[in-house]
Amino acid sequence: MDGPPWMAPWSSFAEFFNSRVHHPAVTDCPFLTYYDDERNIHRRYTYAEFGRLVEQAAAFLHHRLGLTRGE
């Protein structure tokens, strides 16, 4: 390939993730759709909803289980 290598504009996955879940242009856009045909469950998460769930899970792991960054 010609030219300089492509470099991502984010320094980490966390920075990328936060740039998506808090960006006004995409917060209400679909991010993830879950289907469970056996139990007839269909759930769609927006970027903002998924971001809140990830933040809640991280808070639980930190405050309730004592995990810290890198563990």
PDB file of N, CA and C in Angstrom:
ATOM      1  N   MET A   1       0.831  -1.177   0.000  1.00  0.00           N
ATOM      2  CA  MET A   1       0.000   0.000   0.000  1.00  0.00           C
ATOM      3  C   MET A   1       0.875   1.240   0.000  1.00  0.00           C
ATOM      4  N   ASP A   2       0.431   2.223  -0.741  1.00  0.00           N
ATOM      5  CA  ASP A   2       1.168   3.484  -0.810  1.00  0.00           C
ATOM      6  C   ASP A   2       0.736   4.421   0.305  1.00  0.00           C
ATOM      7  N   GLY A   3       1.629   5.283   0.686  1.00  0.00           N
ATOM      8  CA  GLY A   3       1.300   6.298   1.673  1.00  0.00           C
ATOM      9  C   GLY A   3       1.574   5.844   3.086  1.00  0.00           C
ATOM     10  N   PRO A   4       1.378   6.747   4.014  1.00  0.00           N
ATOM     11  CA  PRO A   4       1.629   6.424   5.430  1.00  0.00           C
ATOM     12  C   PRO A   4       0.560   5.467   5.957  1.00  0.00           C
ATOM     13  N   PRO A   5       0.908   4.684   6.965  1.00  0.00           N
ATOM     14  CA  PRO A   5      -0.092   3.763   7.533  1.00  0.00           C
ATOM     15  C   PRO A   5      -1.235   4.529   8.184  1.00  0.00           C
ATOM     16  N   TRP A   6      -2.403   3.934   8.132  1.00  0.00           N
ATOM     17  CA  TRP A   6      -3.569   4.554   8.751  1.00  0.00           C
ATOM     18  C   TRP A   6      -3.448   4.464  10.258  1.00  0.00           C
ATOM     19  N   MET A   7      -3.740   5.554  10.924  1.00  0.00           N
ATOM     20  CA  MET A   7      -3.695   5.597  12.380  1.00  0.00           C
ATOM     21  C   MET A   7      -5.078   5.979  12.894  1.00  0.00           C
ATOM     22  N   ALA A   8      -5.552   5.241  13.865  1.00  0.00           N
ATOM     23  CA  ALA A   8      -6.843   5.543  14.471  1.00  0.00           C
ATOM     24  C   ALA A   8      -6.750   6.852  15.245  1.00  0.00           C
ATOM     25  N   PRO A   9      -7.825   7.638  15.258  1.00  0.00           N
ATOM     26  CA  PRO A   9      -7.776   8.910  15.992  1.00  0.00           C
ATOM     27  C   PRO A   9      -7.936   8.765  17.506  1.00  0.00           C
ATOM     28  N   TRP A  10      -8.073   7.550  17.993  1.00  0.00           N
ATOM     29  CA  TRP A  10      -8.239   7.318  19.432  1.00  0.00           C
ATOM     30  C   TRP A  10      -7.012   6.607  19.965  1.00  0.00           C
ATOM     31  N   SER A  11      -6.667   6.883  21.203  1.00  0.00           N
ATOM     32  CA  SER A  11      -5.479   6.253  21.786  1.00  0.00           C
ATOM     33  C   SER A  11      -5.796   4.944  22.495  1.00  0.00           C
ATOM     34  N   SER A  12      -7.095   4.682  22.718  1.00  0.00           N
ATOM     35  CA  SER A  12      -7.475   3.441  23.398  1.00  0.00           C
ATOM     36  C   SER A  12      -8.905   3.064  23.024  1.00  0.00           C
ATOM     37  N   PHE A  13      -9.279   1.825  23.323  1.00  0.00           N
ATOM     38  CA  PHE A  13     -10.659   1.418  23.076  1.00  0.00           C
ATOM     39  C   PHE A  13     -11.608   2.224  23.954  1.00  0.00           C
ATOM     40  N   ALA A  14     -11.222   2.499  25.177  1.00  0.00           N
ATOM     41  CA  ALA A  14     -12.074   3.281  26.087  1.00  0.00           C
ATOM     42  C   ALA A  14     -12.347   4.665  25.504  1.00  0.00           C
ATOM     43  N   GLU A  15     -11.326   5.283  24.924  1.00  0.00           N
ATOM     44  CA  GLU A  15     -11.519   6.604  24.317  1.00  0.00           C
ATOM     45  C   GLU A  15     -12.475   6.504  23.123  1.00  0.00           C
ATOM     46  N   PHE A  16     -12.305   5.475  22.303  1.00  0.00           N
ATOM     47  CA  PHE A  16     -13.214   5.261  21.175  1.00  0.00           C
ATOM     48  C   PHE A  16     -14.641   5.037  21.668  1.00  0.00           C
ATOM     49  N   PHE A  17     -14.802   4.151  22.647  1.00  0.00           N
ATOM     50  CA  PHE A  17     -16.126   3.818  23.172  1.00  0.00           C
ATOM     51  C   PHE A  17     -16.820   5.068  23.709  1.00  0.00           C
ATOM     52  N   ASN A  18     -16.112   5.855  24.506  1.00  0.00           N
ATOM     53  CA  ASN A  18     -16.694   7.085  25.056  1.00  0.00           C
ATOM     54  C   ASN A  18     -17.037   8.095  23.963  1.00  0.00           C
ATOM     55  N   SER A  19     -16.249   8.123  22.909  1.00  0.00           N
ATOM     56  CA  SER A  19     -16.540   9.058  21.821  1.00  0.00           C
ATOM     57  C   SER A  19     -17.829   8.684  21.093  1.00  0.00           C
ATOM     58  N   ARG A  20     -18.202   7.427  21.126  1.00  0.00           N
ATOM     59  CA  ARG A  20     -19.428   6.982  20.467  1.00  0.00           C
ATOM     60  C   ARG A  20     -20.638   7.128  21.381  1.00  0.00           C
ATOM     61  N   VAL A  21     -20.554   6.665  22.609  1.00  0.00           N
ATOM     62  CA  VAL A  21     -21.738   6.634  23.481  1.00  0.00           C
ATOM     63  C   VAL A  21     -22.132   8.015  23.972  1.00  0.00           C
ATOM     64  N   HIS A  22     -21.234   9.002  23.858  1.00  0.00           N
ATOM     65  CA  HIS A  22     -21.549  10.356  24.304  1.00  0.00           C
ATOM     66  C   HIS A  22     -21.641  11.350  23.148  1.00  0.00           C
ATOM     67  N   HIS A  23     -21.544  10.878  21.923  1.00  0.00           N
ATOM     68  CA  HIS A  23     -21.586  11.770  20.758  1.00  0.00           C
ATOM     69  C   HIS A  23     -23.041  12.038  20.378  1.00  0.00           C
ATOM     70  N   PRO A  24     -23.478  13.298  20.375  1.00  0.00           N
ATOM     71  CA  PRO A  24     -24.890  13.621  20.130  1.00  0.00           C
ATOM     72  C   PRO A  24     -25.435  13.082  18.806  1.00  0.00           C
ATOM     73  N   ALA A  25     -24.575  12.912  17.809  1.00  0.00           N
ATOM     74  CA  ALA A  25     -25.050  12.453  16.507  1.00  0.00           C
ATOM     75  C   ALA A  25     -25.400  10.971  16.490  1.00  0.00           C
ATOM     76  N   VAL A  26     -24.880  10.184  17.444  1.00  0.00           N
ATOM     77  CA  VAL A  26     -25.130   8.732  17.402  1.00  0.00           C
ATOM     78  C   VAL A  26     -25.740   8.158  18.677  1.00  0.00           C
ATOM     79  N   THR A  27     -25.888   8.939  19.727  1.00  0.00           N
ATOM     80  CA  THR A  27     -26.344   8.370  21.001  1.00  0.00           C
ATOM     81  C   THR A  27     -27.677   7.639  20.889  1.00  0.00           C
ATOM     82  N   ASP A  28     -28.570   8.107  20.025  1.00  0.00           N
ATOM     83  CA  ASP A  28     -29.876   7.457  19.888  1.00  0.00           C
ATOM     84  C   ASP A  28     -29.944   6.481  18.728  1.00  0.00           C
ATOM     85  N   CYS A  29     -28.828   6.233  18.067  1.00  0.00           N
ATOM     86  CA  CYS A  29     -28.784   5.274  16.949  1.00  0.00           C
ATOM     87  C   CYS A  29     -28.635   3.854  17.487  1.00  0.00           C
ATOM     88  N   PRO A  30     -29.156   2.868  16.761  1.00  0.00           N
ATOM     89  CA  PRO A  30     -28.987   1.472  17.185  1.00  0.00           C
ATOM     90  C   PRO A  30     -27.512   1.081  17.217  1.00  0.00           C
ATOM     91  N   PHE A  31     -27.120   0.415  18.283  1.00  0.00           N
ATOM     92  CA  PHE A  31     -25.750  -0.073  18.433  1.00  0.00           C
ATOM     93  C   PHE A  31     -25.706  -1.590  18.398  1.00  0.00           C
ATOM     94  N   LEU A  32     -26.644  -2.227  19.090  1.00  0.00           N
ATOM     95  CA  LEU A  32     -26.633  -3.679  19.232  1.00  0.00           C
ATOM     96  C   LEU A  32     -28.063  -4.186  19.249  1.00  0.00           C
ATOM     97  N   THR A  33     -28.312  -5.267  18.516  1.00  0.00           N
ATOM     98  CA  THR A  33     -29.615  -5.903  18.536  1.00  0.00           C
ATOM     99  C   THR A  33     -29.428  -7.349  18.972  1.00  0.00           C
ATOM    100  N   TYR A  34     -30.223  -7.764  19.939  1.00  0.00           N
ATOM    101  CA  TYR A  34     -30.144  -9.108  20.509  1.00  0.00           C
ATOM    102  C   TYR A  34     -31.419  -9.867  20.174  1.00  0.00           C
ATOM    103  N   TYR A  35     -31.261 -11.078  19.652  1.00  0.00           N
ATOM    104  CA  TYR A  35     -32.393 -11.946  19.354  1.00  0.00           C
ATOM    105  C   TYR A  35     -32.220 -13.270  20.087  1.00  0.00           C
ATOM    106  N   ASP A  36     -33.270 -13.718  20.738  1.00  0.00           N
ATOM    107  CA  ASP A  36     -33.330 -15.065  21.302  1.00  0.00           C
ATOM    108  C   ASP A  36     -34.630 -15.664  20.785  1.00  0.00           C
ATOM    109  N   ASP A  37     -34.535 -16.406  19.688  1.00  0.00           N
ATOM    110  CA  ASP A  37     -35.724 -16.943  19.045  1.00  0.00           C
ATOM    111  C   ASP A  37     -36.438 -17.984  19.896  1.00  0.00           C
ATOM    112  N   GLU A  38     -35.696 -18.725  20.691  1.00  0.00           N
ATOM    113  CA  GLU A  38     -36.316 -19.760  21.528  1.00  0.00           C
ATOM    114  C   GLU A  38     -37.228 -19.149  22.592  1.00  0.00           C
ATOM    115  N   ARG A  39     -36.832 -18.020  23.137  1.00  0.00           N
ATOM    116  CA  ARG A  39     -37.641 -17.363  24.171  1.00  0.00           C
ATOM    117  C   ARG A  39     -38.397 -16.151  23.634  1.00  0.00           C
ATOM    118  N   ASN A  40     -38.320 -15.949  22.325  1.00  0.00           N
ATOM    119  CA  ASN A  40     -39.020 -14.856  21.656  1.00  0.00           C
ATOM    120  C   ASN A  40     -38.653 -13.490  22.261  1.00  0.00           C
ATOM    121  N   ILE A  41     -37.349 -13.282  22.438  1.00  0.00           N
ATOM    122  CA  ILE A  41     -36.844 -12.023  22.980  1.00  0.00           C
ATOM    123  C   ILE A  41     -36.129 -11.268  21.866  1.00  0.00           C
ATOM    124  N   HIS A  42     -36.481 -10.010  21.711  1.00  0.00           N
ATOM    125  CA  HIS A  42     -35.830  -9.129  20.747  1.00  0.00           C
ATOM    126  C   HIS A  42     -35.543  -7.826  21.472  1.00  0.00           C
ATOM    127  N   ARG A  43     -34.266  -7.457  21.591  1.00  0.00           N
ATOM    128  CA  ARG A  43     -33.903  -6.253  22.331  1.00  0.00           C
ATOM    129  C   ARG A  43     -32.911  -5.443  21.516  1.00  0.00           C
ATOM    130  N   ARG A  44     -33.184  -4.178  21.351  1.00  0.00           N
ATOM    131  CA  ARG A  44     -32.286  -3.270  20.635  1.00  0.00           C
ATOM    132  C   ARG A  44     -31.746  -2.253  21.628  1.00  0.00           C
ATOM    133  N   TYR A  45     -30.434  -2.032  21.584  1.00  0.00           N
ATOM    134  CA  TYR A  45     -29.769  -1.057  22.451  1.00  0.00           C
ATOM    135  C   TYR A  45     -29.215   0.076  21.600  1.00  0.00           C
ATOM    136  N   THR A  46     -29.430   1.313  22.024  1.00  0.00           N
ATOM    137  CA  THR A  46     -28.783   2.447  21.380  1.00  0.00           C
ATOM    138  C   THR A  46     -27.368   2.580  21.947  1.00  0.00           C
ATOM    139  N   TYR A  47     -26.581   3.439  21.323  1.00  0.00           N
ATOM    140  CA  TYR A  47     -25.238   3.696  21.853  1.00  0.00           C
ATOM    141  C   TYR A  47     -25.317   4.170  23.299  1.00  0.00           C
ATOM    142  N   ALA A  48     -26.238   5.094  23.581  1.00  0.00           N
ATOM    143  CA  ALA A  48     -26.346   5.646  24.932  1.00  0.00           C
ATOM    144  C   ALA A  48     -26.777   4.582  25.938  1.00  0.00           C
ATOM    145  N   GLU A  49     -27.767   3.769  25.578  1.00  0.00           N
ATOM    146  CA  GLU A  49     -28.229   2.711  26.492  1.00  0.00           C
ATOM    147  C   GLU A  49     -27.120   1.721  26.775  1.00  0.00           C
ATOM    148  N   PHE A  50     -26.420   1.289  25.726  1.00  0.00           N
ATOM    149  CA  PHE A  50     -25.336   0.329  25.915  1.00  0.00           C
ATOM    150  C   PHE A  50     -24.218   0.936  26.751  1.00  0.00           C
ATOM    151  N   GLY A  51     -23.916   2.203  26.510  1.00  0.00           N
ATOM    152  CA  GLY A  51     -22.893   2.882  27.307  1.00  0.00           C
ATOM    153  C   GLY A  51     -23.239   2.920  28.778  1.00  0.00           C
ATOM    154  N   ARG A  52     -24.506   3.205  29.093  1.00  0.00           N
ATOM    155  CA  ARG A  52     -24.935   3.215  30.502  1.00  0.00           C
ATOM    156  C   ARG A  52     -24.795   1.829  31.127  1.00  0.00           C
ATOM    157  N   LEU A  53     -25.144   0.783  30.386  1.00  0.00           N
ATOM    158  CA  LEU A  53     -25.021  -0.576  30.917  1.00  0.00           C
ATOM    159  C   LEU A  53     -23.557  -0.939  31.175  1.00  0.00           C
ATOM    160  N   VAL A  54     -22.682  -0.553  30.272  1.00  0.00           N
ATOM    161  CA  VAL A  54     -21.248  -0.812  30.462  1.00  0.00           C
ATOM    162  C   VAL A  54     -20.731  -0.058  31.680  1.00  0.00           C
ATOM    163  N   GLU A  55     -21.138   1.205  31.827  1.00  0.00           N
ATOM    164  CA  GLU A  55     -20.717   1.983  32.988  1.00  0.00           C
ATOM    165  C   GLU A  55     -21.253   1.396  34.290  1.00  0.00           C
ATOM    166  N   GLN A  56     -22.478   0.886  34.286  1.00  0.00           N
ATOM    167  CA  GLN A  56     -23.045   0.241  35.480  1.00  0.00           C
ATOM    168  C   GLN A  56     -22.272  -1.031  35.822  1.00  0.00           C
ATOM    169  N   ALA A  57     -21.935  -1.815  34.801  1.00  0.00           N
ATOM    170  CA  ALA A  57     -21.172  -3.047  35.038  1.00  0.00           C
ATOM    171  C   ALA A  57     -19.788  -2.710  35.589  1.00  0.00           C
ATOM    172  N   ALA A  58     -19.148  -1.686  35.037  1.00  0.00           N
ATOM    173  CA  ALA A  58     -17.823  -1.289  35.515  1.00  0.00           C
ATOM    174  C   ALA A  58     -17.889  -0.795  36.954  1.00  0.00           C
ATOM    175  N   ALA A  59     -18.924  -0.033  37.285  1.00  0.00           N
ATOM    176  CA  ALA A  59     -19.082   0.460  38.654  1.00  0.00           C
ATOM    177  C   ALA A  59     -19.283  -0.701  39.621  1.00  0.00           C
ATOM    178  N   PHE A  60     -20.080  -1.689  39.238  1.00  0.00           N
ATOM    179  CA  PHE A  60     -20.288  -2.860  40.075  1.00  0.00           C
ATOM    180  C   PHE A  60     -18.967  -3.591  40.310  1.00  0.00           C
ATOM    181  N   LEU A  61     -18.216  -3.824  39.235  1.00  0.00           N
ATOM    182  CA  LEU A  61     -16.945  -4.536  39.363  1.00  0.00           C
ATOM    183  C   LEU A  61     -15.974  -3.782  40.255  1.00  0.00           C
ATOM    184  N   HIS A  62     -15.990  -2.456  40.181  1.00  0.00           N
ATOM    185  CA  HIS A  62     -15.074  -1.655  40.990  1.00  0.00           C
ATOM    186  C   HIS A  62     -15.539  -1.534  42.441  1.00  0.00           C
ATOM    187  N   HIS A  63     -16.782  -1.119  42.641  1.00  0.00           N
ATOM    188  CA  HIS A  63     -17.261  -0.826  43.997  1.00  0.00           C
ATOM    189  C   HIS A  63     -17.632  -2.071  44.792  1.00  0.00           C
ATOM    190  N   ARG A  64     -18.197  -3.053  44.145  1.00  0.00           N
ATOM    191  CA  ARG A  64     -18.655  -4.234  44.877  1.00  0.00           C
ATOM    192  C   ARG A  64     -17.604  -5.337  44.947  1.00  0.00           C
ATOM    193  N   LEU A  65     -16.775  -5.436  43.894  1.00  0.00           N
ATOM    194  CA  LEU A  65     -15.789  -6.508  43.865  1.00  0.00           C
ATOM    195  C   LEU A  65     -14.358  -6.024  44.064  1.00  0.00           C
ATOM    196  N   GLY A  66     -14.170  -4.706  44.079  1.00  0.00           N
ATOM    197  CA  GLY A  66     -12.864  -4.149  44.352  1.00  0.00           C
ATOM    198  C   GLY A  66     -11.887  -4.198  43.189  1.00  0.00           C
ATOM    199  N   LEU A  67     -12.346  -4.468  41.975  1.00  0.00           N
ATOM    200  CA  LEU A  67     -11.434  -4.511  40.840  1.00  0.00           C
ATOM    201  C   LEU A  67     -11.018  -3.096  40.478  1.00  0.00           C
ATOM    202  N   THR A  68      -9.770  -2.979  40.018  1.00  0.00           N
ATOM    203  CA  THR A  68      -9.250  -1.684  39.601  1.00  0.00           C
ATOM    204  C   THR A  68      -8.763  -1.764  38.161  1.00  0.00           C
ATOM    205  N   ARG A  69      -8.431  -0.608  37.599  1.00  0.00           N
ATOM    206  CA  ARG A  69      -7.993  -0.529  36.201  1.00  0.00           C
ATOM    207  C   ARG A  69      -6.875  -1.549  35.932  1.00  0.00           C
ATOM    208  N   GLY A  70      -7.031  -2.282  34.861  1.00  0.00           N
ATOM    209  CA  GLY A  70      -6.012  -3.253  34.451  1.00  0.00           C
ATOM    210  C   GLY A  70      -6.221  -4.657  34.969  1.00  0.00           C
ATOM    211  N   GLU A  71      -7.141  -4.835  35.913  1.00  0.00           N
ATOM    212  CA  GLU A  71      -7.377  -6.173  36.455  1.00  0.00           C
ATOM    213  C   GLU A  71      -8.407  -6.907  35.613  1.00  0.00           C
TER     214      GLU A  71
END
